[in-house]
C-alpha cells in the first residue's frame, strides 16, 4: 500500500514548522523520501547551508542511496565556503557525484535573496524565517510552483560555483 511506512521511516511533514530541530527533521525526512520515492530532481537552496544537517552520516548515506543515473541535484547559495568547512562528509559525496550536481552562487542584492528551501516535483519546504528556522512545508502545487519560480529567478542571476575539483596550472 502506498501510504504504509516501514519502521524508522519519517513521513514528509505538512504545515508550519518552528525551530532548528523541526527543520533538521524536515531535511532528514526529505532526503529519506528522495530515496524511497525515487525523486528524479532535488533542489536545495539556502544563503550558506550553515545550519543544515548535510554533514551528518545519515544525510550523506541517504544522498548516496538516492544518487543514480537520471537524477539531478541542484544546490543554490550565496556562498559555499561554509559547506566546505562545516559539512566534511558532504563534500566528498559532492565530488563523487559531480555529474548529477549543479551548483550556483548568487550575490544577494536587494530582493535577490536566495530562498532557504527544499524543492521537489512533489513536495517542498520553505524557511520563511531562516534565523529562527520557521517556515512551511507541504504538497500544495501552487506553493511548489511559486517557490520554484523564486529559486529559478535566483538561479538565473547566479554563476557556477563549488566545483568538484580545482584545476590549476
N, C-alpha and C. Protein backbone atom coordinates (compact mmCIF):
# COMPACT_ATOMS: atom_id res chain seq x y z
N UNK A 1 0.85 -1.18 0.00
CA UNK A 1 0.00 0.00 0.00
C UNK A 1 0.89 1.24 0.00
N UNK A 2 0.55 2.27 -0.76
CA UNK A 2 1.42 3.43 -0.89
C UNK A 2 1.60 4.24 0.39
N UNK A 3 0.63 4.23 1.29
CA UNK A 3 0.75 5.05 2.49
C UNK A 3 1.40 4.33 3.66
N UNK A 4 1.68 3.04 3.51
CA UNK A 4 2.32 2.32 4.60
C UNK A 4 3.80 2.69 4.68
N UNK A 5 4.30 2.70 5.90
CA UNK A 5 5.72 3.02 6.11
C UNK A 5 6.34 1.90 6.91
N UNK A 6 7.62 1.68 6.66
CA UNK A 6 8.35 0.71 7.47
C UNK A 6 8.86 1.41 8.72
N UNK A 7 9.29 0.64 9.69
CA UNK A 7 9.79 1.21 10.95
C UNK A 7 10.96 2.15 10.66
N UNK A 8 10.97 3.30 11.30
CA UNK A 8 12.05 4.25 11.18
C UNK A 8 11.86 5.27 10.05
N UNK A 9 10.91 5.04 9.16
CA UNK A 9 10.66 5.99 8.08
C UNK A 9 9.97 7.23 8.62
N UNK A 10 10.40 8.37 8.12
CA UNK A 10 9.78 9.62 8.52
C UNK A 10 8.85 10.09 7.41
N UNK A 11 7.60 10.38 7.73
CA UNK A 11 6.70 10.91 6.71
C UNK A 11 7.11 12.34 6.35
N UNK A 12 6.78 12.75 5.16
CA UNK A 12 7.04 14.14 4.79
C UNK A 12 6.04 15.03 5.52
N UNK A 13 6.56 16.03 6.22
CA UNK A 13 5.66 16.88 7.01
C UNK A 13 4.88 17.85 6.14
N UNK A 14 3.74 18.26 6.66
CA UNK A 14 2.91 19.28 6.02
C UNK A 14 2.54 20.31 7.06
N UNK A 15 2.56 21.57 6.66
CA UNK A 15 2.14 22.64 7.55
C UNK A 15 3.33 23.44 8.06
N UNK A 16 3.06 24.22 9.07
CA UNK A 16 4.08 25.11 9.63
C UNK A 16 5.07 24.32 10.49
N UNK A 17 6.31 24.80 10.51
CA UNK A 17 7.32 24.25 11.41
C UNK A 17 8.04 25.42 12.08
N UNK A 18 8.60 25.15 13.25
CA UNK A 18 9.22 26.20 14.04
C UNK A 18 10.40 25.62 14.82
N UNK A 19 11.58 26.12 14.54
CA UNK A 19 12.75 25.74 15.31
C UNK A 19 13.73 24.87 14.55
N UNK A 20 14.95 24.89 15.04
CA UNK A 20 16.05 24.18 14.39
C UNK A 20 15.82 22.68 14.35
N UNK A 21 15.37 22.08 15.44
CA UNK A 21 15.13 20.65 15.47
C UNK A 21 14.07 20.24 14.45
N UNK A 22 13.02 21.04 14.36
CA UNK A 22 11.96 20.74 13.39
C UNK A 22 12.50 20.82 11.97
N UNK A 23 13.31 21.84 11.70
CA UNK A 23 13.87 21.98 10.36
C UNK A 23 14.84 20.84 10.04
N UNK A 24 15.70 20.48 10.98
CA UNK A 24 16.61 19.36 10.77
C UNK A 24 15.83 18.09 10.44
N UNK A 25 14.74 17.87 11.16
CA UNK A 25 13.89 16.71 10.90
C UNK A 25 13.28 16.74 9.50
N UNK A 26 12.93 17.92 9.05
CA UNK A 26 12.38 18.07 7.70
C UNK A 26 13.43 17.73 6.65
N UNK A 27 14.65 18.20 6.84
CA UNK A 27 15.72 17.88 5.88
C UNK A 27 15.96 16.38 5.85
N UNK A 28 16.05 15.77 7.02
CA UNK A 28 16.27 14.32 7.09
C UNK A 28 15.12 13.56 6.42
N UNK A 29 13.88 13.98 6.70
CA UNK A 29 12.72 13.32 6.10
C UNK A 29 12.71 13.48 4.59
N UNK A 30 13.10 14.64 4.10
CA UNK A 30 13.13 14.88 2.65
C UNK A 30 14.17 13.99 1.98
N UNK A 31 15.36 13.88 2.56
CA UNK A 31 16.40 13.04 1.96
C UNK A 31 15.99 11.57 1.98
N UNK A 32 15.37 11.15 3.06
CA UNK A 32 14.88 9.78 3.15
C UNK A 32 13.78 9.52 2.12
N UNK A 33 12.87 10.47 1.95
CA UNK A 33 11.79 10.33 0.97
C UNK A 33 12.34 10.31 -0.45
N UNK A 34 13.39 11.07 -0.70
CA UNK A 34 14.01 11.08 -2.03
C UNK A 34 14.45 9.67 -2.42
N UNK A 35 14.99 8.94 -1.44
CA UNK A 35 15.43 7.57 -1.68
C UNK A 35 14.21 6.67 -1.90
N UNK A 36 13.28 6.69 -0.97
CA UNK A 36 12.11 5.81 -1.02
C UNK A 36 11.27 6.03 -2.27
N UNK A 37 11.10 7.29 -2.64
CA UNK A 37 10.19 7.62 -3.73
C UNK A 37 10.90 7.80 -5.06
N UNK A 38 12.21 7.74 -5.05
CA UNK A 38 12.96 7.83 -6.29
C UNK A 38 12.82 9.15 -7.03
N UNK A 39 12.80 10.24 -6.26
CA UNK A 39 12.67 11.55 -6.89
C UNK A 39 13.76 11.74 -7.93
N UNK A 40 13.43 12.26 -9.07
CA UNK A 40 14.40 12.49 -10.14
C UNK A 40 15.17 13.79 -9.93
N UNK A 41 14.57 14.73 -9.22
CA UNK A 41 15.21 16.03 -9.01
C UNK A 41 15.07 16.46 -7.56
N UNK A 42 16.13 17.03 -7.05
CA UNK A 42 16.16 17.54 -5.68
C UNK A 42 16.88 18.87 -5.72
N UNK A 43 16.24 19.91 -5.18
CA UNK A 43 16.81 21.25 -5.16
C UNK A 43 16.94 21.70 -3.71
N UNK A 44 18.16 22.08 -3.32
CA UNK A 44 18.41 22.65 -2.00
C UNK A 44 18.91 24.07 -2.22
N UNK A 45 18.31 25.00 -1.51
CA UNK A 45 18.63 26.41 -1.67
C UNK A 45 18.73 27.06 -0.30
N UNK A 46 19.80 27.81 -0.08
CA UNK A 46 20.00 28.49 1.20
C UNK A 46 21.14 29.49 1.05
N UNK A 47 21.13 30.57 1.82
CA UNK A 47 22.26 31.50 1.71
C UNK A 47 23.61 30.83 1.92
N UNK A 48 23.74 29.90 2.91
CA UNK A 48 25.05 29.28 3.13
C UNK A 48 25.01 27.84 3.67
N UNK A 49 23.85 27.30 3.95
CA UNK A 49 23.68 25.93 4.45
C UNK A 49 24.39 25.70 5.80
N UNK A 50 24.68 26.76 6.53
CA UNK A 50 25.42 26.64 7.79
C UNK A 50 24.70 25.75 8.80
N UNK A 51 23.38 25.85 8.90
CA UNK A 51 22.65 25.11 9.93
C UNK A 51 21.85 23.94 9.37
N UNK A 52 22.21 23.46 8.20
CA UNK A 52 21.57 22.28 7.62
C UNK A 52 22.34 21.04 8.08
N UNK A 53 21.67 19.91 8.24
CA UNK A 53 22.37 18.68 8.67
C UNK A 53 23.00 17.91 7.50
N UNK A 54 23.62 18.61 6.57
CA UNK A 54 24.18 17.96 5.38
C UNK A 54 25.42 17.12 5.69
N UNK A 55 26.14 17.47 6.73
CA UNK A 55 27.35 16.73 7.08
C UNK A 55 27.11 15.48 7.90
N UNK A 56 25.89 15.25 8.30
CA UNK A 56 25.58 14.06 9.09
C UNK A 56 25.72 12.79 8.25
N UNK A 57 26.18 11.75 8.90
CA UNK A 57 26.35 10.46 8.22
C UNK A 57 25.04 10.03 7.55
N UNK A 58 23.91 10.14 8.25
CA UNK A 58 22.62 9.70 7.70
C UNK A 58 22.24 10.50 6.45
N UNK A 59 22.55 11.79 6.44
CA UNK A 59 22.23 12.61 5.27
C UNK A 59 23.04 12.18 4.06
N UNK A 60 24.32 11.97 4.25
CA UNK A 60 25.18 11.55 3.13
C UNK A 60 24.82 10.14 2.68
N UNK A 61 24.49 9.27 3.61
CA UNK A 61 24.07 7.92 3.23
C UNK A 61 22.78 7.96 2.41
N UNK A 62 21.84 8.82 2.81
CA UNK A 62 20.60 8.95 2.04
C UNK A 62 20.89 9.50 0.64
N UNK A 63 21.74 10.50 0.56
CA UNK A 63 22.09 11.05 -0.76
C UNK A 63 22.80 10.00 -1.61
N UNK A 64 23.66 9.21 -1.01
CA UNK A 64 24.35 8.15 -1.75
C UNK A 64 23.34 7.13 -2.28
N UNK A 65 22.38 6.75 -1.45
CA UNK A 65 21.36 5.79 -1.87
C UNK A 65 20.47 6.37 -2.96
N UNK A 66 20.24 7.67 -2.92
CA UNK A 66 19.39 8.34 -3.92
C UNK A 66 20.11 8.53 -5.25
N UNK A 67 21.40 8.74 -5.22
CA UNK A 67 22.18 9.04 -6.42
C UNK A 67 22.08 7.91 -7.43
N UNK A 68 21.76 8.26 -8.63
CA UNK A 68 21.68 7.26 -9.71
C UNK A 68 21.63 7.99 -11.03
N UNK A 69 21.75 7.23 -12.06
CA UNK A 69 21.64 7.79 -13.40
C UNK A 69 20.26 8.42 -13.57
N UNK A 70 20.22 9.54 -14.21
CA UNK A 70 18.95 10.20 -14.45
C UNK A 70 18.52 11.12 -13.33
N UNK A 71 19.31 11.25 -12.29
CA UNK A 71 18.99 12.14 -11.18
C UNK A 71 19.58 13.52 -11.44
N UNK A 72 19.02 14.52 -10.79
CA UNK A 72 19.53 15.89 -10.89
C UNK A 72 19.46 16.51 -9.51
N UNK A 73 20.59 17.03 -9.05
CA UNK A 73 20.70 17.64 -7.73
C UNK A 73 21.18 19.07 -7.93
N UNK A 74 20.41 20.01 -7.43
CA UNK A 74 20.73 21.43 -7.60
C UNK A 74 20.99 22.04 -6.23
N UNK A 75 22.12 22.75 -6.13
CA UNK A 75 22.46 23.50 -4.93
C UNK A 75 22.58 24.96 -5.31
N UNK A 76 21.88 25.81 -4.59
CA UNK A 76 21.91 27.24 -4.84
C UNK A 76 22.22 27.94 -3.52
N UNK A 77 23.22 28.82 -3.53
CA UNK A 77 23.62 29.51 -2.30
C UNK A 77 24.19 30.89 -2.60
N UNK A 78 24.35 31.65 -1.57
CA UNK A 78 25.06 32.93 -1.68
C UNK A 78 26.55 32.72 -1.46
N UNK A 79 26.89 31.62 -0.79
CA UNK A 79 28.30 31.26 -0.56
C UNK A 79 28.38 29.79 -0.19
N UNK A 80 29.47 29.14 -0.61
CA UNK A 80 29.66 27.72 -0.36
C UNK A 80 30.81 27.43 0.60
N UNK A 81 31.53 28.43 1.04
CA UNK A 81 32.66 28.18 1.92
C UNK A 81 32.23 27.51 3.23
N UNK A 82 31.04 27.82 3.71
CA UNK A 82 30.55 27.21 4.94
C UNK A 82 30.30 25.71 4.72
N UNK A 83 29.79 25.36 3.54
CA UNK A 83 29.56 23.95 3.23
C UNK A 83 30.89 23.19 3.27
N UNK A 84 31.89 23.75 2.62
CA UNK A 84 33.21 23.10 2.60
C UNK A 84 33.81 22.98 3.99
N UNK A 85 33.57 23.95 4.83
CA UNK A 85 34.16 23.97 6.17
C UNK A 85 33.37 23.13 7.17
N UNK A 86 32.04 23.14 7.09
CA UNK A 86 31.22 22.54 8.14
C UNK A 86 30.61 21.18 7.80
N UNK A 87 30.64 20.78 6.54
CA UNK A 87 29.97 19.54 6.15
C UNK A 87 30.96 18.58 5.51
N UNK A 88 31.89 18.10 6.32
CA UNK A 88 33.02 17.30 5.84
C UNK A 88 32.60 16.02 5.12
N UNK A 89 31.53 15.39 5.50
CA UNK A 89 31.10 14.17 4.81
C UNK A 89 30.42 14.50 3.48
N UNK A 90 29.77 15.64 3.42
CA UNK A 90 29.04 16.02 2.21
C UNK A 90 29.97 16.35 1.05
N UNK A 91 31.09 17.02 1.32
CA UNK A 91 31.99 17.49 0.26
C UNK A 91 32.53 16.34 -0.59
N UNK A 92 33.03 15.23 -0.04
CA UNK A 92 33.47 14.13 -0.90
C UNK A 92 32.33 13.51 -1.71
N UNK A 93 31.14 13.43 -1.10
CA UNK A 93 29.99 12.93 -1.85
C UNK A 93 29.72 13.84 -3.04
N UNK A 94 29.78 15.14 -2.84
CA UNK A 94 29.55 16.10 -3.91
C UNK A 94 30.57 15.90 -5.04
N UNK A 95 31.83 15.66 -4.66
CA UNK A 95 32.87 15.44 -5.68
C UNK A 95 32.59 14.17 -6.49
N UNK A 96 32.20 13.11 -5.80
CA UNK A 96 31.96 11.83 -6.45
C UNK A 96 30.79 11.91 -7.44
N UNK A 97 29.78 12.68 -7.10
CA UNK A 97 28.56 12.74 -7.91
C UNK A 97 28.46 14.04 -8.71
N UNK A 98 29.58 14.61 -9.05
CA UNK A 98 29.62 15.87 -9.80
C UNK A 98 28.76 15.84 -11.06
N UNK A 99 28.67 14.70 -11.70
CA UNK A 99 27.94 14.60 -12.97
C UNK A 99 26.43 14.77 -12.82
N UNK A 100 25.88 14.69 -11.61
CA UNK A 100 24.44 14.93 -11.42
C UNK A 100 24.17 16.21 -10.63
N UNK A 101 25.22 16.91 -10.23
CA UNK A 101 25.08 18.08 -9.35
C UNK A 101 25.41 19.37 -10.09
N UNK A 102 24.54 20.35 -9.92
CA UNK A 102 24.78 21.69 -10.44
C UNK A 102 24.75 22.65 -9.26
N UNK A 103 25.79 23.46 -9.15
CA UNK A 103 25.88 24.42 -8.05
C UNK A 103 26.03 25.83 -8.62
N UNK A 104 25.29 26.76 -8.04
CA UNK A 104 25.41 28.15 -8.44
C UNK A 104 25.43 29.02 -7.19
N UNK A 105 26.15 30.11 -7.32
CA UNK A 105 26.23 31.09 -6.25
C UNK A 105 25.59 32.38 -6.75
N UNK A 106 24.88 33.03 -5.85
CA UNK A 106 24.16 34.26 -6.18
C UNK A 106 24.57 35.34 -5.20
N UNK A 107 24.94 36.48 -5.72
CA UNK A 107 25.19 37.63 -4.84
C UNK A 107 23.86 38.22 -4.45
N UNK A 108 23.61 38.29 -3.16
CA UNK A 108 22.34 38.82 -2.67
C UNK A 108 22.37 40.33 -2.74
N UNK A 109 21.48 40.84 -3.53
CA UNK A 109 21.37 42.29 -3.66
C UNK A 109 19.90 42.64 -3.63
N UNK A 110 19.49 43.38 -2.63
CA UNK A 110 18.10 43.80 -2.53
C UNK A 110 17.16 42.63 -2.39
N UNK A 111 16.25 42.49 -3.34
CA UNK A 111 15.23 41.44 -3.27
C UNK A 111 15.72 40.12 -3.86
N UNK A 112 16.99 40.04 -4.23
CA UNK A 112 17.53 38.84 -4.87
C UNK A 112 18.10 37.86 -3.85
N UNK A 113 17.52 37.80 -2.67
CA UNK A 113 18.00 36.87 -1.65
C UNK A 113 17.66 35.44 -2.05
N UNK A 114 18.57 34.53 -1.78
CA UNK A 114 18.37 33.12 -2.07
C UNK A 114 17.40 32.55 -1.04
N UNK A 115 16.32 31.91 -1.49
CA UNK A 115 15.40 31.32 -0.51
C UNK A 115 16.04 30.15 0.23
N UNK A 116 15.63 29.94 1.45
CA UNK A 116 16.07 28.77 2.21
C UNK A 116 14.99 27.72 2.05
N UNK A 117 15.29 26.71 1.21
CA UNK A 117 14.21 25.81 0.82
C UNK A 117 14.71 24.47 0.30
N UNK A 118 13.78 23.52 0.31
CA UNK A 118 13.94 22.24 -0.36
C UNK A 118 12.78 22.17 -1.35
N UNK A 119 13.10 21.85 -2.60
CA UNK A 119 12.06 21.74 -3.61
C UNK A 119 12.17 20.40 -4.32
N UNK A 120 11.05 19.75 -4.52
CA UNK A 120 10.97 18.54 -5.32
C UNK A 120 9.73 18.67 -6.19
N UNK A 121 9.60 17.86 -7.21
CA UNK A 121 8.40 17.94 -8.04
C UNK A 121 7.10 17.62 -7.29
N UNK A 122 7.20 16.98 -6.11
CA UNK A 122 6.01 16.57 -5.37
C UNK A 122 5.79 17.32 -4.06
N UNK A 123 6.84 17.86 -3.47
CA UNK A 123 6.77 18.39 -2.10
C UNK A 123 7.81 19.50 -1.96
N UNK A 124 7.59 20.40 -1.02
CA UNK A 124 8.60 21.43 -0.76
C UNK A 124 8.55 21.87 0.69
N UNK A 125 9.64 22.48 1.13
CA UNK A 125 9.74 23.09 2.45
C UNK A 125 10.42 24.44 2.25
N UNK A 126 9.85 25.48 2.82
CA UNK A 126 10.39 26.83 2.66
C UNK A 126 10.54 27.48 4.03
N UNK A 127 11.79 27.79 4.39
CA UNK A 127 12.04 28.51 5.64
C UNK A 127 11.85 29.99 5.36
N UNK A 128 10.72 30.51 5.75
CA UNK A 128 10.44 31.92 5.52
C UNK A 128 11.18 32.81 6.52
N UNK A 129 11.59 32.24 7.64
CA UNK A 129 12.38 32.93 8.66
C UNK A 129 13.57 32.04 9.02
N UNK A 130 14.64 32.06 8.19
CA UNK A 130 15.78 31.17 8.43
C UNK A 130 16.46 31.39 9.77
N UNK A 131 16.45 32.62 10.26
CA UNK A 131 17.10 32.91 11.54
C UNK A 131 16.50 32.11 12.68
N UNK A 132 15.20 31.92 12.66
CA UNK A 132 14.50 31.16 13.70
C UNK A 132 14.07 29.77 13.21
N UNK A 133 14.46 29.41 11.99
CA UNK A 133 14.07 28.14 11.37
C UNK A 133 12.57 27.93 11.39
N UNK A 134 11.86 28.94 10.92
CA UNK A 134 10.41 28.87 10.82
C UNK A 134 10.01 28.86 9.35
N UNK A 135 8.97 28.10 9.07
CA UNK A 135 8.51 28.06 7.70
C UNK A 135 7.33 27.15 7.53
N UNK A 136 7.17 26.70 6.29
CA UNK A 136 6.03 25.86 5.94
C UNK A 136 6.48 24.80 4.94
N UNK A 137 5.85 23.63 5.03
CA UNK A 137 6.16 22.55 4.09
C UNK A 137 4.86 21.90 3.66
N UNK A 138 4.92 21.24 2.51
CA UNK A 138 3.72 20.54 2.06
C UNK A 138 3.73 20.19 0.59
N UNK A 139 2.59 19.71 0.14
CA UNK A 139 2.42 19.19 -1.21
C UNK A 139 1.66 20.14 -2.13
N UNK A 140 1.27 21.31 -1.65
CA UNK A 140 0.44 22.24 -2.41
C UNK A 140 1.11 22.63 -3.73
N UNK A 141 0.47 22.34 -4.87
CA UNK A 141 1.08 22.65 -6.17
C UNK A 141 1.39 24.13 -6.36
N UNK A 142 0.52 25.00 -5.88
CA UNK A 142 0.75 26.44 -6.03
C UNK A 142 1.97 26.89 -5.26
N UNK A 143 2.11 26.42 -4.03
CA UNK A 143 3.27 26.77 -3.21
C UNK A 143 4.55 26.25 -3.85
N UNK A 144 4.52 25.02 -4.37
CA UNK A 144 5.70 24.47 -5.05
C UNK A 144 6.07 25.28 -6.28
N UNK A 145 5.07 25.67 -7.06
CA UNK A 145 5.32 26.46 -8.27
C UNK A 145 5.92 27.82 -7.91
N UNK A 146 5.36 28.49 -6.93
CA UNK A 146 5.87 29.81 -6.52
C UNK A 146 7.28 29.71 -5.98
N UNK A 147 7.55 28.69 -5.19
CA UNK A 147 8.89 28.50 -4.65
C UNK A 147 9.87 28.21 -5.79
N UNK A 148 9.49 27.38 -6.72
CA UNK A 148 10.40 27.07 -7.84
C UNK A 148 10.66 28.32 -8.68
N UNK A 149 9.67 29.16 -8.85
CA UNK A 149 9.88 30.41 -9.59
C UNK A 149 10.89 31.30 -8.88
N UNK A 150 10.81 31.38 -7.56
CA UNK A 150 11.77 32.17 -6.79
C UNK A 150 13.18 31.58 -6.90
N UNK A 151 13.27 30.27 -6.82
CA UNK A 151 14.57 29.59 -6.95
C UNK A 151 15.13 29.82 -8.35
N UNK A 152 14.30 29.66 -9.36
CA UNK A 152 14.74 29.84 -10.74
C UNK A 152 15.22 31.27 -10.99
N UNK A 153 14.54 32.24 -10.40
CA UNK A 153 14.96 33.63 -10.54
C UNK A 153 16.36 33.84 -9.96
N UNK A 154 16.61 33.29 -8.79
CA UNK A 154 17.94 33.37 -8.19
C UNK A 154 18.95 32.60 -9.04
N UNK A 155 18.56 31.43 -9.53
CA UNK A 155 19.44 30.61 -10.35
C UNK A 155 19.93 31.39 -11.58
N UNK A 156 19.01 32.06 -12.25
CA UNK A 156 19.37 32.84 -13.44
C UNK A 156 20.35 33.96 -13.12
N UNK A 157 20.27 34.51 -11.91
CA UNK A 157 21.16 35.60 -11.51
C UNK A 157 22.51 35.08 -11.02
N UNK A 158 22.63 33.78 -10.87
CA UNK A 158 23.85 33.19 -10.31
C UNK A 158 24.87 32.82 -11.35
N UNK A 159 25.96 32.27 -10.83
CA UNK A 159 27.04 31.79 -11.69
C UNK A 159 27.53 30.46 -11.12
N UNK A 160 28.13 29.60 -11.94
CA UNK A 160 28.62 28.32 -11.44
C UNK A 160 29.58 28.49 -10.26
N UNK A 161 29.49 27.58 -9.31
CA UNK A 161 30.33 27.67 -8.11
C UNK A 161 30.49 26.29 -7.49
N UNK A 162 31.27 26.21 -6.42
CA UNK A 162 31.51 24.99 -5.65
C UNK A 162 31.92 23.84 -6.56
N UNK A 163 33.03 24.03 -7.29
CA UNK A 163 33.47 22.99 -8.23
C UNK A 163 33.88 21.71 -7.50
N UNK A 164 33.73 20.60 -8.21
CA UNK A 164 34.11 19.31 -7.62
C UNK A 164 35.62 19.22 -7.41
N UNK A 165 36.34 19.88 -8.30
CA UNK A 165 37.81 19.90 -8.16
C UNK A 165 38.31 21.25 -8.62
N UNK A 166 39.49 21.59 -8.15
CA UNK A 166 40.11 22.84 -8.54
C UNK A 166 41.31 22.51 -9.40
N UNK A 167 41.26 22.93 -10.65
CA UNK A 167 42.36 22.70 -11.57
C UNK A 167 43.24 23.93 -11.62
N UNK A 168 44.50 23.74 -11.61
CA UNK A 168 45.44 24.86 -11.66
C UNK A 168 46.57 24.58 -12.62
N UNK A 169 47.26 25.61 -12.97
CA UNK A 169 48.40 25.45 -13.89
C UNK A 169 49.68 25.53 -13.11
